Structures are given as structure tokens and as C-alpha cells.
Amino acid sequence: MVESTIFANTLFMKKTFCLALVLSIYFSAAAQTNLPPVDKSPMDMSYYPANYPVLKIQDKITEPLLARVVYSRPRKEGRNIFGGLVEYGKLWRLGANEATEIELFQNVNIGNKKISKGRYTLYAIVNETSWTFVLNKETDTWGSFKYSPEKDVVRTEVPVEKITDPVESFVMAFEKVNSQVNLVIAWENVKVALPITL
């Protein structure tokens, strides 16, 4: 009885040692891999309908997929954003890093123009009382440095709404208002909405 207990303890210790050895080799190798640091402005994604992938796996979809926006989320961090970091009258990538992209899964209307389903870059020209949204065919681009107006699909102007509760991290999300879907953008003390209709 004593011998079997000693044998079991020895076997357990050997297994534990082997597991510890394997884990230390794994984590040592992972530490040597050149992984990128966490970005200051993480990439995010919004869908309409909201949480579409989750609804899809739960079989709770009540309306077809309309759009998805992929963007990076800078933080205010005490900076003066609109009229400062984001200069008035200049083209802006709508966030940080790569230019914001919107994918339309249906043909829609934006700015009284029919837009075919597909993937587009979305920019804005920011002013104090209004923004002009620019939908452009050139995708997979960083910032707005390679922007070409010849590839614009549509431009549309929307009013600015001032908000009282400051927004620290730049955010984009879809909301449905009656029969139209708005892409709502908020940061600092500003909110705008880009109307999208079928």
C-alpha cells in the first residue's frame, strides 16, 4: 500500500515536471517572437444590424445585413480635437491609422445617390457646423495621403450636433431611425450622422 502511494506520487511529480518543462519551452519561444505592441488606437468594427455576427450564430437575425464599418479608435487624451488635431476644412481619415472603410452589403442611397454594394473608403471634411462625408473607391490605404478625388463616389454634407457629455474614444455605430439607418460618429463634444437609405 505504501509502495503504491509512493509510486503514484512519483508518477504525479514526473508528469508535473514534464508539463512545467513543456510550458516553459512554449512561453520562452513565444517571448522570442517579435509580436507587435498593442496599438494606441485599436481597430474596431460596427455592423448594421448591430451585433450581426452574434445574432447570426444565435439564429436571431430579423433583418438582412446592410453595412459594416472598420475603423481605428483614437483617444482624446486632453487634446483639442476638432479645429485642433483634426483641422477644419481638411480631409480626415475618420479615426487613426488606416483610412476608415465601409462595406455595403446591399445597394443603398447616400446623399441622394444610388451606391452599389461593395467596399469603400469613408473620409470626412470637418467644419465647425457641418461635415462633408466622402465615399471613395480606393481601399486598403493608410491615412488620407494617397486620396484621389477622381475616385470619389459621392460627397454629402451633414450638420454637426454638439453634445454635453464629452466622448473620450472616437466611436462609430449604426442606429435605425424610422426607415433609415444612420452611421453615427461621436468624439469630443461633437456628433454627426450619415443617413443611409435603401
Protein backbone atom coordinates (compact mmCIF):
# COMPACT_ATOMS: atom_id res chain seq x y z
CA MET A 1 0.00 0.00 0.00
CA VAL A 2 2.80 2.41 0.95
CA GLU A 3 4.75 1.43 -2.19
CA SER A 4 1.79 2.15 -4.48
CA THR A 5 1.30 5.57 -2.84
CA ILE A 6 4.99 6.42 -3.32
CA PHE A 7 4.79 5.21 -6.93
CA ALA A 8 1.68 7.34 -7.56
CA ASN A 9 3.32 10.43 -6.02
CA THR A 10 6.49 9.89 -8.08
CA LEU A 11 4.44 9.49 -11.26
CA PHE A 12 2.49 12.67 -10.45
CA MET A 13 5.71 14.60 -9.84
CA LYS A 14 7.21 13.37 -13.13
CA LYS A 15 4.06 14.42 -15.05
CA THR A 16 4.05 17.80 -13.33
CA PHE A 17 7.74 18.31 -14.14
CA CYS A 18 7.19 17.36 -17.81
CA LEU A 19 4.22 19.73 -18.09
CA ALA A 20 6.22 22.56 -16.50
CA LEU A 21 9.11 21.89 -18.89
CA VAL A 22 6.83 21.94 -21.96
CA LEU A 23 5.13 25.16 -20.81
CA SER A 24 8.44 26.90 -20.12
CA ILE A 25 9.74 25.97 -23.60
CA TYR A 26 6.48 27.21 -25.19
CA PHE A 27 6.46 30.54 -23.34
CA SER A 28 10.18 31.03 -23.93
CA ALA A 29 9.63 30.57 -27.69
CA ALA A 30 6.61 32.91 -27.64
CA ALA A 31 8.64 35.58 -25.83
CA GLN A 32 11.27 35.44 -28.58
CA THR A 33 8.67 36.02 -31.31
CA ASN A 34 8.55 39.65 -32.49
CA LEU A 35 4.92 40.40 -31.79
CA PRO A 36 3.66 43.93 -32.44
CA PRO A 37 2.84 46.11 -29.45
CA VAL A 38 -0.77 46.97 -28.65
CA ASP A 39 -1.84 49.90 -30.82
CA LYS A 40 -2.74 53.18 -29.11
CA SER A 41 -5.77 53.46 -31.40
CA PRO A 42 -7.23 49.95 -31.59
CA MET A 43 -9.19 48.84 -34.63
CA ASP A 44 -12.93 48.32 -34.15
CA MET A 45 -15.91 47.29 -36.23
CA SER A 46 -19.63 48.13 -36.19
CA TYR A 47 -22.43 46.38 -38.06
CA TYR A 48 -25.99 47.10 -39.04
CA PRO A 49 -27.88 45.26 -37.70
CA ALA A 50 -25.85 45.75 -34.51
CA ASN A 51 -24.01 42.63 -33.32
CA TYR A 52 -24.84 40.87 -36.59
CA PRO A 53 -22.26 38.04 -36.21
CA VAL A 54 -23.59 37.18 -32.73
CA LEU A 55 -27.21 37.29 -33.92
CA LYS A 56 -26.23 35.05 -36.85
CA ILE A 57 -24.78 32.27 -34.71
CA GLN A 58 -27.77 32.51 -32.37
CA ASP A 59 -30.28 32.30 -35.29
CA LYS A 60 -31.78 35.63 -34.17
CA ILE A 61 -31.43 37.66 -37.37
CA THR A 62 -34.56 39.69 -38.08
CA GLU A 63 -33.30 41.79 -41.00
CA PRO A 64 -30.59 41.34 -43.64
CA LEU A 65 -27.04 42.61 -43.23
CA LEU A 66 -26.79 46.17 -44.54
CA ALA A 67 -23.37 47.57 -43.67
CA ARG A 68 -20.15 47.21 -41.71
CA VAL A 69 -17.63 49.90 -40.84
CA VAL A 70 -14.00 49.18 -39.86
CA TYR A 71 -12.07 51.99 -38.17
CA SER A 72 -9.38 52.81 -35.60
CA ARG A 73 -10.32 54.49 -32.30
CA PRO A 74 -8.00 57.29 -31.13
CA ARG A 75 -8.50 58.78 -27.67
CA LYS A 76 -8.89 62.46 -26.82
CA GLU A 77 -6.26 62.37 -24.03
CA GLY A 78 -6.68 66.05 -23.16
CA ARG A 79 -6.12 67.24 -26.73
CA ASN A 80 -8.23 69.80 -28.59
CA ILE A 81 -9.71 67.60 -31.33
CA PHE A 82 -11.93 69.50 -33.77
CA GLY A 83 -10.28 72.64 -35.04
CA GLY A 84 -7.01 71.40 -33.47
CA LEU A 85 -5.81 67.84 -34.07
CA VAL A 86 -8.46 67.45 -36.80
CA GLU A 87 -8.13 70.65 -38.80
CA TYR A 88 -11.22 72.37 -40.16
CA GLY A 89 -11.62 72.24 -43.94
CA LYS A 90 -9.17 69.36 -44.47
CA LEU A 91 -9.80 65.75 -45.47
CA TRP A 92 -9.71 63.37 -42.48
CA ARG A 93 -9.45 59.55 -42.43
CA LEU A 94 -12.22 59.34 -39.77
CA GLY A 95 -10.14 57.91 -36.96
CA ALA A 96 -6.49 56.88 -36.86
CA ASN A 97 -4.07 54.66 -38.80
CA GLU A 98 -5.68 53.05 -41.86
CA ALA A 99 -8.43 55.07 -43.51
CA THR A 100 -11.90 54.05 -42.36
CA GLU A 101 -13.68 51.58 -44.63
CA ILE A 102 -17.38 50.92 -45.02
CA GLU A 103 -18.73 47.79 -46.67
CA LEU A 104 -22.25 47.87 -48.05
CA PHE A 105 -23.98 44.51 -48.41
CA GLN A 106 -26.94 45.97 -50.31
CA ASN A 107 -27.40 48.75 -52.85
CA VAL A 108 -28.21 51.92 -50.89
CA ASN A 109 -28.74 55.66 -51.24
CA ILE A 110 -26.27 58.09 -49.71
CA GLY A 111 -26.61 61.80 -50.37
CA ASN A 112 -29.45 61.22 -52.85
CA LYS A 113 -27.21 58.99 -54.97
CA LYS A 114 -27.52 55.26 -55.62
CA ILE A 115 -24.45 53.44 -54.29
CA SER A 116 -23.74 49.87 -55.37
CA LYS A 117 -22.96 47.28 -52.73
CA GLY A 118 -19.24 46.90 -52.17
CA ARG A 119 -16.34 48.18 -50.10
CA TYR A 120 -15.39 51.87 -49.95
CA THR A 121 -13.13 54.22 -48.01
CA LEU A 122 -15.01 56.81 -45.97
CA TYR A 123 -13.46 60.21 -45.29
CA ALA A 124 -14.82 63.46 -43.89
CA ILE A 125 -14.08 67.14 -44.35
CA VAL A 126 -14.77 68.54 -40.90
CA ASN A 127 -16.06 72.04 -40.23
CA GLU A 128 -17.49 73.61 -37.10
CA THR A 129 -21.17 73.40 -38.10
CA SER A 130 -21.14 70.66 -40.76
CA TRP A 131 -19.13 67.71 -42.08
CA THR A 132 -18.88 66.59 -45.68
CA PHE A 133 -18.66 62.80 -45.95
CA VAL A 134 -16.69 61.45 -48.91
CA LEU A 135 -17.18 57.91 -50.19
CA ASN A 136 -14.18 56.83 -52.29
CA LYS A 137 -13.37 53.72 -54.38
CA GLU A 138 -9.72 53.45 -53.27
CA THR A 139 -9.50 50.95 -50.39
CA ASP A 140 -6.72 49.49 -48.22
CA THR A 141 -4.96 52.80 -47.71
CA TRP A 142 -3.31 54.43 -44.70
CA GLY A 143 -4.39 57.89 -43.62
CA SER A 144 -5.50 60.22 -46.41
CA PHE A 145 -2.11 60.69 -48.05
CA LYS A 146 -2.98 58.85 -51.30
CA TYR A 147 -6.52 60.25 -51.53
CA SER A 148 -7.63 60.85 -55.12
CA PRO A 149 -10.79 62.95 -55.68
CA GLU A 150 -11.20 61.29 -59.11
CA LYS A 151 -12.17 58.11 -57.25
CA ASP A 152 -14.95 59.77 -55.22
CA VAL A 153 -18.34 58.08 -55.48
CA VAL A 154 -20.36 60.64 -53.55
CA ARG A 155 -20.00 63.63 -51.23
CA THR A 156 -22.73 64.64 -48.84
CA GLU A 157 -22.94 67.30 -46.14
CA VAL A 158 -24.49 66.71 -42.72
CA PRO A 159 -24.98 69.05 -39.74
CA VAL A 160 -22.94 68.87 -36.54
CA GLU A 161 -24.67 68.27 -33.22
CA LYS A 162 -22.93 69.47 -30.05
CA ILE A 163 -23.12 67.05 -27.11
CA THR A 164 -22.73 67.84 -23.42
CA ASP A 165 -21.04 64.61 -22.26
CA PRO A 166 -17.56 64.51 -23.84
CA VAL A 167 -16.63 61.30 -25.69
CA GLU A 168 -13.07 60.17 -24.85
CA SER A 169 -12.62 57.47 -27.54
CA PHE A 170 -13.69 58.10 -31.12
CA VAL A 171 -16.71 55.92 -31.90
CA MET A 172 -18.78 54.88 -34.92
CA ALA A 173 -22.05 52.94 -34.68
CA PHE A 174 -25.19 52.38 -36.72
CA GLU A 175 -28.68 53.28 -35.49
CA LYS A 176 -32.06 52.89 -37.15
CA VAL A 177 -34.36 55.91 -37.25
CA ASN A 178 -37.73 55.10 -38.86
CA SER A 179 -36.90 53.67 -42.31
CA GLN A 180 -33.33 54.94 -42.49
CA VAL A 181 -30.07 53.79 -40.93
CA ASN A 182 -27.62 56.41 -39.70
CA LEU A 183 -23.91 55.90 -39.27
CA VAL A 184 -23.38 57.90 -36.07
CA ILE A 185 -19.93 59.29 -35.29
CA ALA A 186 -19.02 60.91 -31.98
CA TRP A 187 -15.85 62.27 -30.40
CA GLU A 188 -15.00 65.07 -28.01
CA ASN A 189 -18.20 67.18 -27.87
CA VAL A 190 -19.38 66.52 -31.45
CA LYS A 191 -21.82 64.06 -33.00
CA VAL A 192 -22.78 63.64 -36.67
CA ALA A 193 -24.95 61.16 -38.53
CA LEU A 194 -24.59 59.92 -42.11
CA PRO A 195 -28.01 58.81 -43.43
CA ILE A 196 -28.15 55.56 -45.42
CA THR A 197 -31.41 54.52 -47.07
CA LEU A 198 -32.50 51.59 -49.25
